[in-house]
Amino acid sequence: MYTFSSKLKTFSFVLMAVGLLGIGYGFLTAPKDIQEVEKLLAGETHEGHGEAKHEVATATTEAHDEVSKTNEVKEEAEHKEHLTHVLKQLQNKPWASLYVACIFFMLIAMGTLAFYAIQQVAQAGWSPVLFRVMQGITAYLPVGSVIFFVFLIICGLHIFPSNSLFIWLDPEVVAHDKIIANKSGYLNFPFWIVRAAIFLAGWNLYRYFSAKNCLEQDEASDNLSYKKNFNISAGFLVFFIVTESIMSWDWIMSIDPHWSSTLFGWYVFASFFVSGITMITMVTLYLKSRGYLEHVNTSHIHDLAKFMFGISVFWTYLWFSQFMLIWYANIPEEITYFVTRIQLYNLPFFGAVVMNFLFPILILVNTDFKRITWILVMAGIVILLGHYIDFFNMIMPGTVGDRWFIGVSEIASVLFFLGLFIYVVFTALTKTPLLPKRNPYIEESKHFHY
């Protein structure tokens, strides 16, 4: 049985505490009105801009007195509208930061669950010694799901006026936007939240019963519980592949409601799937370093690293396919999505490609490197950070526009959910033996070498 070390537990509490303080600071320092925004923008304005504007206005005042007054009123209205827009973006920033971290860690657990279900259906002989690690990581899914569902309700019911992540939830916006209005039959709060409840409930029910059957198999004298797991895993994968696509539209793509992509569901899947596999590798390496998982050898680690490498290539294929087709077609309503990210998010947009493709390719293409612990830890950290940046790129442009930066809110949100993730996962690992001793393929897995 695994024992949760006091140092790691304290570390998780410290991460959560620091994260909560930072999240609170982010909300407290967000501007409350347009006056604060005006002061902020004034500080960003270049010196001399006001003087040039004044000289031009003075030279033309006598000739265009009435026109100038009209222009002043118009400019003032436009200026106020701009200030209101920037206010919404800056108030969205702590919410968006929290949302990115919340969905990212929940989907890491979801990616792990999908990988576990695939192993069950494939009747894989190499992976049963890793099943309890996977089950420990997926223990975060119920916790993450509850937090995420509450977050969606907060967004939908407008409990906090400063939260406007999903603009289509605002009736006033829908009334003045024909494109969003045409989608209101699908994008409306009751239907949206019901879909979310069905998705989260379905995923968590599978996680609960698959873990339950796996534990029952340890005490059984036959393989009935194993066969049950096989059947429900096959059913879950069908449910998952449908709900995952819809989930990506509902929770991420609808943040930019004027834009759509038929590849988006696969793209999001590839991102959190490789993140889940990477997390399995990281937790396994940690447990091995503490003297646990004695039956896990370098061949198991090598196979996990191969999946990290392969799904990273798959993610890149989808990234390029989506980008290239939309960019080449140059359809205005589609290309806007990438123009915004290239112009305003140039560094994180292309940085994600370096972290999620070039780095894994250069490091993990070497067979020997797939068996070296410190290289895999380094690669794992880069991949996880890279896919956090990927989710950042998907969510932040539609919520904060050009008002983005990696600041206190973003770092604090990651720290809080990382601390919570560590605490939940490693607490779950203490509750069951780390070896599923009655799995039909456990002996094959113990002696897996190549």
Protein backbone atom coordinates (compact mmCIF):
# COMPACT_ATOMS: atom_id res chain seq x y z
CA MET A 1 0.00 0.00 0.00
CA TYR A 2 1.17 3.49 -0.83
CA THR A 3 1.71 6.02 1.97
CA PHE A 4 1.14 9.69 1.16
CA SER A 5 4.33 11.38 2.39
CA SER A 6 3.89 14.30 4.75
CA LYS A 7 6.23 16.43 2.62
CA LEU A 8 4.19 15.93 -0.54
CA LYS A 9 0.94 16.51 1.35
CA THR A 10 2.30 19.74 2.86
CA PHE A 11 3.53 20.78 -0.58
CA SER A 12 0.02 20.30 -2.01
CA PHE A 13 -1.50 22.40 0.80
CA VAL A 14 1.06 25.15 0.23
CA LEU A 15 0.27 25.18 -3.49
CA MET A 16 -3.46 25.47 -2.77
CA ALA A 17 -2.96 28.21 -0.18
CA VAL A 18 -0.66 30.28 -2.40
CA GLY A 19 -3.01 29.68 -5.31
CA LEU A 20 -6.05 30.88 -3.37
CA LEU A 21 -4.23 34.02 -2.26
CA GLY A 22 -3.17 34.76 -5.83
CA ILE A 23 -6.67 34.11 -7.20
CA GLY A 24 -8.11 36.46 -4.58
CA TYR A 25 -5.50 39.09 -5.47
CA GLY A 26 -6.44 38.78 -9.15
CA PHE A 27 -10.11 39.45 -8.45
CA LEU A 28 -9.41 42.29 -6.01
CA THR A 29 -7.08 44.12 -8.38
CA ALA A 30 -9.36 43.82 -11.43
CA PRO A 31 -10.81 47.25 -12.36
CA LYS A 32 -14.28 47.98 -10.97
CA ASP A 33 -15.39 50.78 -13.33
CA ILE A 34 -14.43 52.61 -16.50
CA GLN A 35 -12.66 55.34 -14.52
CA GLU A 36 -10.07 52.82 -13.38
CA VAL A 37 -9.75 51.55 -16.94
CA GLU A 38 -9.24 55.11 -18.22
CA LYS A 39 -6.40 55.67 -15.76
CA LEU A 40 -4.86 52.37 -16.80
CA LEU A 41 -5.06 53.19 -20.49
CA ALA A 42 -3.74 56.70 -19.89
CA GLY A 43 -0.61 55.20 -18.37
CA GLU A 44 -0.13 53.09 -21.51
CA THR A 45 -0.51 56.04 -23.90
CA HIS A 46 2.67 57.33 -25.49
CA GLU A 47 3.85 60.79 -24.49
CA GLY A 48 3.12 63.44 -27.10
CA HIS A 49 0.01 61.75 -28.45
CA GLY A 50 -2.26 64.17 -26.63
CA GLU A 51 -0.23 67.19 -27.78
CA ALA A 52 -0.42 66.28 -31.47
CA LYS A 53 -4.15 65.72 -31.21
CA HIS A 54 -4.60 69.11 -29.51
CA GLU A 55 -2.67 71.00 -32.24
CA VAL A 56 -4.74 69.45 -35.03
CA ALA A 57 -7.97 70.18 -33.21
CA THR A 58 -6.93 73.84 -32.58
CA ALA A 59 -6.04 74.43 -36.23
CA THR A 60 -9.41 73.27 -37.50
CA THR A 61 -11.75 74.60 -34.79
CA GLU A 62 -12.72 77.86 -36.47
CA ALA A 63 -13.53 76.30 -39.86
CA HIS A 64 -15.47 73.33 -38.57
CA ASP A 65 -17.04 74.44 -35.30
CA GLU A 66 -20.30 72.53 -35.60
CA VAL A 67 -18.69 69.47 -37.16
CA SER A 68 -16.14 69.42 -34.36
CA LYS A 69 -18.83 69.43 -31.70
CA THR A 70 -20.59 66.57 -33.42
CA ASN A 71 -17.31 64.68 -33.73
CA GLU A 72 -16.51 65.31 -30.09
CA VAL A 73 -19.84 63.80 -29.02
CA LYS A 74 -19.28 60.84 -31.34
CA GLU A 75 -15.71 60.36 -30.17
CA GLU A 76 -16.79 60.55 -26.55
CA ALA A 77 -19.44 57.88 -27.14
CA GLU A 78 -16.92 55.67 -28.95
CA HIS A 79 -14.36 56.26 -26.21
CA LYS A 80 -16.86 55.25 -23.54
CA GLU A 81 -17.81 52.15 -25.54
CA HIS A 82 -14.13 51.24 -25.85
CA LEU A 83 -13.59 51.73 -22.11
CA THR A 84 -16.58 49.51 -21.35
CA HIS A 85 -15.21 46.83 -23.69
CA VAL A 86 -11.76 46.93 -22.06
CA LEU A 87 -13.40 46.86 -18.61
CA LYS A 88 -15.17 43.62 -19.51
CA GLN A 89 -11.93 42.11 -20.81
CA LEU A 90 -9.97 43.02 -17.67
CA GLN A 91 -12.76 41.81 -15.39
CA ASN A 92 -12.87 38.57 -17.39
CA LYS A 93 -9.14 37.98 -16.92
CA PRO A 94 -9.20 36.36 -13.43
CA TRP A 95 -12.28 34.34 -14.41
CA ALA A 96 -10.69 33.17 -17.64
CA SER A 97 -7.45 32.26 -15.84
CA LEU A 98 -9.43 30.19 -13.36
CA TYR A 99 -11.42 28.57 -16.15
CA VAL A 100 -8.34 27.54 -18.16
CA ALA A 101 -6.71 25.86 -15.14
CA CYS A 102 -9.99 24.27 -14.01
CA ILE A 103 -10.83 22.66 -17.35
CA PHE A 104 -7.21 21.70 -18.04
CA PHE A 105 -6.73 19.61 -14.89
CA MET A 106 -10.20 18.07 -15.17
CA LEU A 107 -9.46 17.01 -18.74
CA ILE A 108 -6.08 15.54 -17.71
CA ALA A 109 -8.07 13.14 -15.53
CA MET A 110 -10.47 12.62 -18.44
CA GLY A 111 -7.63 11.82 -20.84
CA THR A 112 -6.29 9.28 -18.36
CA LEU A 113 -9.74 7.71 -18.06
CA ALA A 114 -10.00 7.39 -21.85
CA PHE A 115 -6.57 5.76 -22.01
CA TYR A 116 -7.57 3.35 -19.22
CA ALA A 117 -10.78 2.41 -21.07
CA ILE A 118 -8.81 1.78 -24.28
CA GLN A 119 -6.46 -0.57 -22.37
CA GLN A 120 -9.47 -2.48 -21.01
CA VAL A 121 -11.14 -2.88 -24.41
CA ALA A 122 -7.88 -3.76 -26.15
CA GLN A 123 -7.21 -6.37 -23.45
CA ALA A 124 -3.68 -5.02 -23.32
CA GLY A 125 -1.19 -7.31 -21.65
CA TRP A 126 1.51 -4.69 -20.91
CA SER A 127 -0.46 -2.14 -18.89
CA PRO A 128 -2.35 -3.81 -15.95
CA VAL A 129 0.51 -3.03 -13.53
CA LEU A 130 -0.26 0.64 -14.24
CA PHE A 131 -4.03 0.41 -13.75
CA ARG A 132 -4.02 1.65 -10.15
CA VAL A 133 -1.93 4.64 -11.15
CA MET A 134 -4.54 5.45 -13.81
CA GLN A 135 -7.37 4.97 -11.32
CA GLY A 136 -5.60 7.24 -8.85
CA ILE A 137 -5.33 10.03 -11.43
CA THR A 138 -8.96 9.62 -12.50
CA ALA A 139 -10.00 10.03 -8.84
CA TYR A 140 -9.61 13.75 -9.52
CA LEU A 141 -12.42 13.63 -12.11
CA PRO A 142 -15.36 13.78 -9.62
CA VAL A 143 -13.74 16.67 -7.71
CA GLY A 144 -12.82 18.54 -10.88
CA SER A 145 -16.28 17.89 -12.36
CA VAL A 146 -18.09 19.40 -9.37
CA ILE A 147 -15.92 22.53 -9.40
CA PHE A 148 -16.29 22.85 -13.16
CA PHE A 149 -20.07 22.38 -13.10
CA VAL A 150 -20.42 25.04 -10.41
CA PHE A 151 -18.30 27.34 -12.58
CA LEU A 152 -20.66 26.78 -15.54
CA ILE A 153 -23.69 27.56 -13.36
CA ILE A 154 -22.02 30.78 -12.17
CA CYS A 155 -21.46 31.75 -15.81
CA GLY A 156 -25.00 30.89 -16.87
CA LEU A 157 -26.88 32.53 -14.01
CA HIS A 158 -24.73 35.71 -14.09
CA ILE A 159 -24.14 35.42 -10.35
CA PHE A 160 -21.13 37.71 -10.72
CA PRO A 161 -21.61 40.58 -13.21
CA SER A 162 -17.87 40.67 -13.87
CA ASN A 163 -18.05 37.19 -15.43
CA SER A 164 -18.86 37.33 -19.16
CA LEU A 165 -16.77 34.47 -20.57
CA PHE A 166 -19.58 33.19 -22.80
CA ILE A 167 -21.06 36.22 -24.56
CA TRP A 168 -23.93 34.18 -26.00
CA LEU A 169 -25.29 33.81 -22.45
CA ASP A 170 -26.08 37.56 -22.51
CA PRO A 171 -29.61 38.10 -23.94
CA GLU A 172 -28.72 41.63 -25.00
CA VAL A 173 -25.81 40.36 -27.11
CA VAL A 174 -27.98 37.68 -28.70
CA ALA A 175 -30.67 40.25 -29.55
CA HIS A 176 -28.19 42.36 -31.55
CA ASP A 177 -26.15 39.55 -33.14
CA LYS A 178 -27.83 37.60 -35.94
CA ILE A 179 -25.14 34.91 -36.09
CA ILE A 180 -25.44 34.09 -32.38
CA ALA A 181 -29.23 34.42 -32.55
CA ASN A 182 -29.32 31.77 -35.28
CA LYS A 183 -27.44 29.41 -32.94
CA SER A 184 -29.65 30.12 -29.91
CA GLY A 185 -31.60 26.89 -30.40
CA TYR A 186 -28.42 25.06 -29.44
CA LEU A 187 -26.52 27.71 -27.49
CA ASN A 188 -28.92 28.48 -24.68
CA PHE A 189 -28.32 28.04 -20.96
CA PRO A 190 -30.91 25.32 -20.09
CA PHE A 191 -29.85 23.01 -22.95
CA TRP A 192 -26.15 23.81 -22.40
CA ILE A 193 -26.17 23.02 -18.68
CA VAL A 194 -28.24 19.84 -19.18
CA ARG A 195 -25.69 18.62 -21.73
CA ALA A 196 -22.89 19.39 -19.28
CA ALA A 197 -24.67 17.46 -16.51
CA ILE A 198 -25.16 14.43 -18.79
CA PHE A 199 -21.54 14.44 -19.95
CA LEU A 200 -20.02 14.81 -16.49
CA ALA A 201 -22.41 12.27 -14.93
CA GLY A 202 -21.70 9.71 -17.66
CA TRP A 203 -17.94 10.04 -17.39
CA ASN A 204 -17.99 9.83 -13.60
CA LEU A 205 -20.35 6.85 -13.54
CA TYR A 206 -17.96 4.92 -15.76
CA ARG A 207 -15.01 5.89 -13.57
CA TYR A 208 -16.86 4.73 -10.43
CA PHE A 209 -18.03 1.36 -11.78
CA SER A 210 -14.78 0.53 -13.58
CA ALA A 211 -12.79 1.14 -10.38
CA LYS A 212 -15.37 -0.82 -8.37
CA ASN A 213 -15.21 -3.80 -10.74
CA CYS A 214 -11.42 -3.73 -10.73
CA LEU A 215 -11.35 -3.95 -6.93
CA GLU A 216 -13.98 -6.70 -6.90
CA GLN A 217 -11.88 -8.68 -9.36
CA ASP A 218 -9.05 -8.78 -6.79
CA GLU A 219 -11.28 -10.72 -4.38
CA ALA A 220 -13.14 -12.83 -6.93
CA SER A 221 -12.52 -16.44 -7.92
CA ASP A 222 -13.64 -15.91 -11.53
CA ASN A 223 -13.33 -13.23 -14.21
CA LEU A 224 -16.91 -11.93 -14.10
CA SER A 225 -15.92 -8.48 -12.83
CA TYR A 226 -13.21 -8.24 -15.49
CA LYS A 227 -15.76 -9.07 -18.20
CA LYS A 228 -18.11 -6.44 -16.81
CA ASN A 229 -15.32 -3.92 -17.07
CA PHE A 230 -14.66 -4.91 -20.65
CA ASN A 231 -18.31 -4.39 -21.59
CA ILE A 232 -18.81 -1.06 -19.84
CA SER A 233 -15.47 0.19 -21.19
CA ALA A 234 -16.59 -0.53 -24.76
CA GLY A 235 -19.87 1.30 -24.13
CA PHE A 236 -18.06 4.19 -22.46
CA LEU A 237 -15.71 4.72 -25.40
CA VAL A 238 -18.70 5.13 -27.74
CA PHE A 239 -20.30 7.58 -25.28
CA PHE A 240 -17.00 9.37 -24.78
CA ILE A 241 -16.14 9.96 -28.44
CA VAL A 242 -19.56 11.58 -29.02
CA THR A 243 -19.70 13.63 -25.81
CA GLU A 244 -16.07 14.73 -26.07
CA SER A 245 -16.71 16.41 -29.42
CA ILE A 246 -19.85 18.15 -28.18
CA MET A 247 -18.05 19.12 -24.95
CA SER A 248 -15.31 20.85 -26.95
CA TRP A 249 -17.93 22.87 -28.85
CA ASP A 250 -19.86 23.76 -25.70
CA TRP A 251 -17.09 24.61 -23.28
CA ILE A 252 -14.32 25.96 -25.53
CA MET A 253 -15.38 26.69 -29.12
CA SER A 254 -18.53 28.57 -28.04
CA ILE A 255 -16.30 31.17 -26.36
CA ASP A 256 -15.78 32.36 -29.97
CA PRO A 257 -19.41 31.81 -31.08
CA HIS A 258 -18.92 33.27 -34.58
CA TRP A 259 -16.29 30.66 -35.41
CA SER A 260 -16.47 26.90 -35.95
CA SER A 261 -14.20 24.07 -37.02
CA THR A 262 -15.12 20.46 -37.77
CA LEU A 263 -11.68 19.35 -36.56
CA PHE A 264 -11.96 21.08 -33.21
CA GLY A 265 -13.25 18.10 -31.20
CA TRP A 266 -10.36 15.91 -32.33
CA TYR A 267 -7.89 18.71 -31.71
CA VAL A 268 -9.03 19.21 -28.10
CA PHE A 269 -9.05 15.44 -27.58
CA ALA A 270 -5.45 15.07 -28.76
CA SER A 271 -4.37 17.85 -26.39
CA PHE A 272 -5.85 16.43 -23.20
CA PHE A 273 -5.24 12.80 -24.21
CA VAL A 274 -1.46 13.28 -24.47
CA SER A 275 -1.60 15.32 -21.26
CA GLY A 276 -3.29 12.42 -19.48
CA ILE A 277 -0.71 9.91 -20.77
CA THR A 278 2.08 12.26 -19.73
CA MET A 279 0.59 12.53 -16.24
CA ILE A 280 0.47 8.70 -15.97
CA THR A 281 4.17 8.66 -16.83
CA MET A 282 5.03 11.38 -14.30
CA VAL A 283 3.12 9.75 -11.42
CA THR A 284 4.56 6.33 -12.28
CA LEU A 285 8.11 7.70 -12.27
CA TYR A 286 7.49 9.41 -8.93
CA LEU A 287 6.14 6.22 -7.34
CA LYS A 288 9.06 4.23 -8.75
CA SER A 289 11.49 6.73 -7.22
CA ARG A 290 9.83 6.16 -3.82
CA GLY A 291 10.25 2.39 -4.02
CA TYR A 292 6.74 1.45 -5.17
CA LEU A 293 5.53 -0.33 -8.35
CA GLU A 294 8.26 -2.96 -8.20
CA HIS A 295 6.80 -4.76 -11.23
CA VAL A 296 6.97 -1.67 -13.45
CA ASN A 297 10.15 -1.82 -15.51
CA THR A 298 11.82 0.24 -18.23
CA SER A 299 9.76 -1.52 -20.91
CA HIS A 300 6.53 -0.15 -19.38
CA ILE A 301 8.06 3.31 -19.14
CA HIS A 302 9.29 3.01 -22.74
CA ASP A 303 5.75 2.22 -23.94
CA LEU A 304 4.30 5.21 -22.09
CA ALA A 305 6.96 7.42 -23.67
CA LYS A 306 6.06 6.04 -27.10
CA PHE A 307 2.48 7.11 -26.54
CA MET A 308 3.69 10.56 -25.43
CA PHE A 309 5.67 10.81 -28.64
CA GLY A 310 2.97 9.40 -30.93
CA ILE A 311 0.08 11.50 -29.64
CA SER A 312 2.27 14.61 -29.75
CA VAL A 313 2.73 13.96 -33.47
CA PHE A 314 -1.03 13.35 -33.79
CA TRP A 315 -1.74 16.68 -32.04
CA THR A 316 0.61 18.44 -34.46
CA TYR A 317 -1.09 16.83 -37.45
CA LEU A 318 -4.45 18.17 -36.25
CA TRP A 319 -2.99 21.60 -35.39
CA PHE A 320 -1.50 21.95 -38.86
CA SER A 321 -4.53 20.51 -40.67
CA GLN A 322 -6.91 22.93 -38.97
CA PHE A 323 -4.59 25.91 -39.42
CA MET A 324 -3.53 25.20 -43.01
CA LEU A 325 -7.02 24.52 -44.40
CA ILE A 326 -8.56 27.59 -42.80
CA TRP A 327 -5.61 29.83 -43.67
CA TYR A 328 -5.49 28.64 -47.29
CA ALA A 329 -9.26 28.98 -47.82
CA ASN A 330 -9.08 32.51 -46.39
CA ILE A 331 -12.79 32.70 -45.58
CA PRO A 332 -13.21 35.86 -43.44
CA GLU A 333 -15.45 34.38 -40.74
CA GLU A 334 -13.01 31.47 -40.29
CA ILE A 335 -9.62 33.12 -40.70
CA THR A 336 -10.39 35.73 -38.00
CA TYR A 337 -9.77 33.05 -35.35
CA PHE A 338 -6.15 32.58 -36.43
CA VAL A 339 -5.49 36.22 -37.33
CA THR A 340 -6.35 37.17 -33.74
CA ARG A 341 -4.02 34.56 -32.32
CA ILE A 342 -1.12 35.28 -34.67
CA GLN A 343 -1.32 39.05 -34.21
CA LEU A 344 -2.15 39.25 -30.50
CA TYR A 345 -0.91 35.87 -29.16
CA ASN A 346 2.09 35.32 -31.41
CA LEU A 347 4.44 34.02 -28.70
CA PRO A 348 2.09 31.53 -26.98
CA PHE A 349 0.51 30.48 -30.29
CA PHE A 350 3.74 29.40 -31.95
CA GLY A 351 5.39 28.62 -28.60
CA ALA A 352 2.80 25.86 -28.09
CA VAL A 353 3.95 24.24 -31.34
CA VAL A 354 7.57 24.29 -30.16
CA MET A 355 6.68 22.83 -26.74
CA ASN A 356 4.17 20.26 -27.99
CA PHE A 357 5.85 19.15 -31.21
CA LEU A 358 9.46 20.18 -31.76
CA PHE A 359 10.59 19.46 -28.20
CA PRO A 360 8.95 15.98 -27.93
CA ILE A 361 10.19 15.08 -31.42
CA LEU A 362 13.79 16.02 -30.67
CA ILE A 363 13.84 14.37 -27.23
CA LEU A 364 11.56 11.32 -27.50
CA VAL A 365 12.48 10.15 -31.01
CA ASN A 366 15.54 8.50 -29.46
CA THR A 367 14.73 5.01 -28.16
CA ASP A 368 17.23 5.14 -25.30
CA PHE A 369 15.87 8.48 -24.06
CA LYS A 370 12.44 6.88 -23.58
CA ARG A 371 13.90 4.85 -20.69
CA ILE A 372 15.84 7.62 -18.87
CA THR A 373 13.91 9.06 -15.94
CA TRP A 374 15.23 12.62 -15.85
CA ILE A 375 14.73 13.06 -19.59
CA LEU A 376 11.13 11.84 -19.36
CA VAL A 377 10.44 14.13 -16.39
CA MET A 378 11.84 17.08 -18.32
CA ALA A 379 9.85 16.15 -21.43
CA GLY A 380 6.71 15.61 -19.35
CA ILE A 381 6.94 19.02 -17.70
CA VAL A 382 7.40 20.73 -21.07
CA ILE A 383 4.50 18.80 -22.64
CA LEU A 384 2.13 19.59 -19.76
CA LEU A 385 3.08 23.28 -19.78
CA GLY A 386 2.78 23.31 -23.57
CA HIS A 387 -0.74 21.95 -23.50
CA TYR A 388 -1.72 24.37 -20.75
CA ILE A 389 -0.56 27.09 -23.17
CA ASP A 390 -2.62 25.37 -25.86
CA PHE A 391 -5.78 25.67 -23.73
CA PHE A 392 -4.73 29.24 -22.91
CA ASN A 393 -4.64 29.98 -26.65
CA MET A 394 -8.06 28.43 -27.17
CA ILE A 395 -9.81 30.31 -24.36
CA MET A 396 -8.13 33.65 -23.62
CA PRO A 397 -8.47 35.48 -27.00
CA GLY A 398 -12.26 35.19 -26.90
CA THR A 399 -12.46 36.36 -23.29
CA VAL A 400 -9.75 38.97 -22.73
CA GLY A 401 -8.70 39.91 -26.26
CA ASP A 402 -5.39 41.74 -26.35
CA ARG A 403 -5.42 42.23 -22.55
CA TRP A 404 -3.56 39.00 -21.89
CA PHE A 405 -0.36 38.26 -20.04
CA ILE A 406 0.85 35.45 -17.79
CA GLY A 407 0.42 37.15 -14.44
CA VAL A 408 -0.65 36.47 -10.88
CA SER A 409 -4.13 35.19 -11.80
CA GLU A 410 -2.83 32.65 -14.32
CA ILE A 411 0.02 31.33 -12.15
CA ALA A 412 -2.12 31.24 -9.00
CA SER A 413 -4.93 29.33 -10.73
CA VAL A 414 -2.48 26.69 -11.97
CA LEU A 415 -0.90 26.40 -8.51
CA PHE A 416 -4.27 25.97 -6.79
CA PHE A 417 -5.52 23.25 -9.13
CA LEU A 418 -2.12 21.56 -9.20
CA GLY A 419 -2.13 21.40 -5.39
CA LEU A 420 -5.69 20.06 -5.37
CA PHE A 421 -4.80 17.54 -8.09
CA ILE A 422 -1.78 16.25 -6.15
CA TYR A 423 -3.76 15.96 -2.92
CA VAL A 424 -6.73 14.11 -4.47
CA VAL A 425 -4.66 11.76 -6.65
CA PHE A 426 -2.16 10.70 -4.02
CA THR A 427 -4.84 10.37 -1.37
CA ALA A 428 -6.71 8.01 -3.72
CA LEU A 429 -3.54 5.95 -4.25
CA THR A 430 -3.36 5.24 -0.50
CA LYS A 431 -6.78 3.57 -0.46
CA THR A 432 -6.10 0.55 -2.68
CA PRO A 433 -3.19 -1.82 -3.34
CA LEU A 434 -1.05 -0.62 -6.24
CA LEU A 435 -1.21 -4.02 -7.96
CA PRO A 436 -4.50 -5.43 -9.39
CA LYS A 437 -3.51 -8.98 -8.44
CA ARG A 438 -6.41 -10.88 -10.06
CA ASN A 439 -6.43 -9.20 -13.46
CA PRO A 440 -6.25 -12.01 -16.10
CA TYR A 441 -3.24 -10.34 -17.73
CA ILE A 442 -1.34 -9.38 -14.61
CA GLU A 443 1.35 -12.06 -14.99
CA GLU A 444 1.98 -11.04 -18.58
CA SER A 445 2.25 -7.43 -17.44
CA LYS A 446 4.66 -8.30 -14.63
CA HIS A 447 7.00 -10.05 -17.06
CA PHE A 448 6.66 -7.52 -19.87
CA HIS A 449 10.10 -7.02 -21.43
CA TYR A 450 11.48 -6.28 -24.87
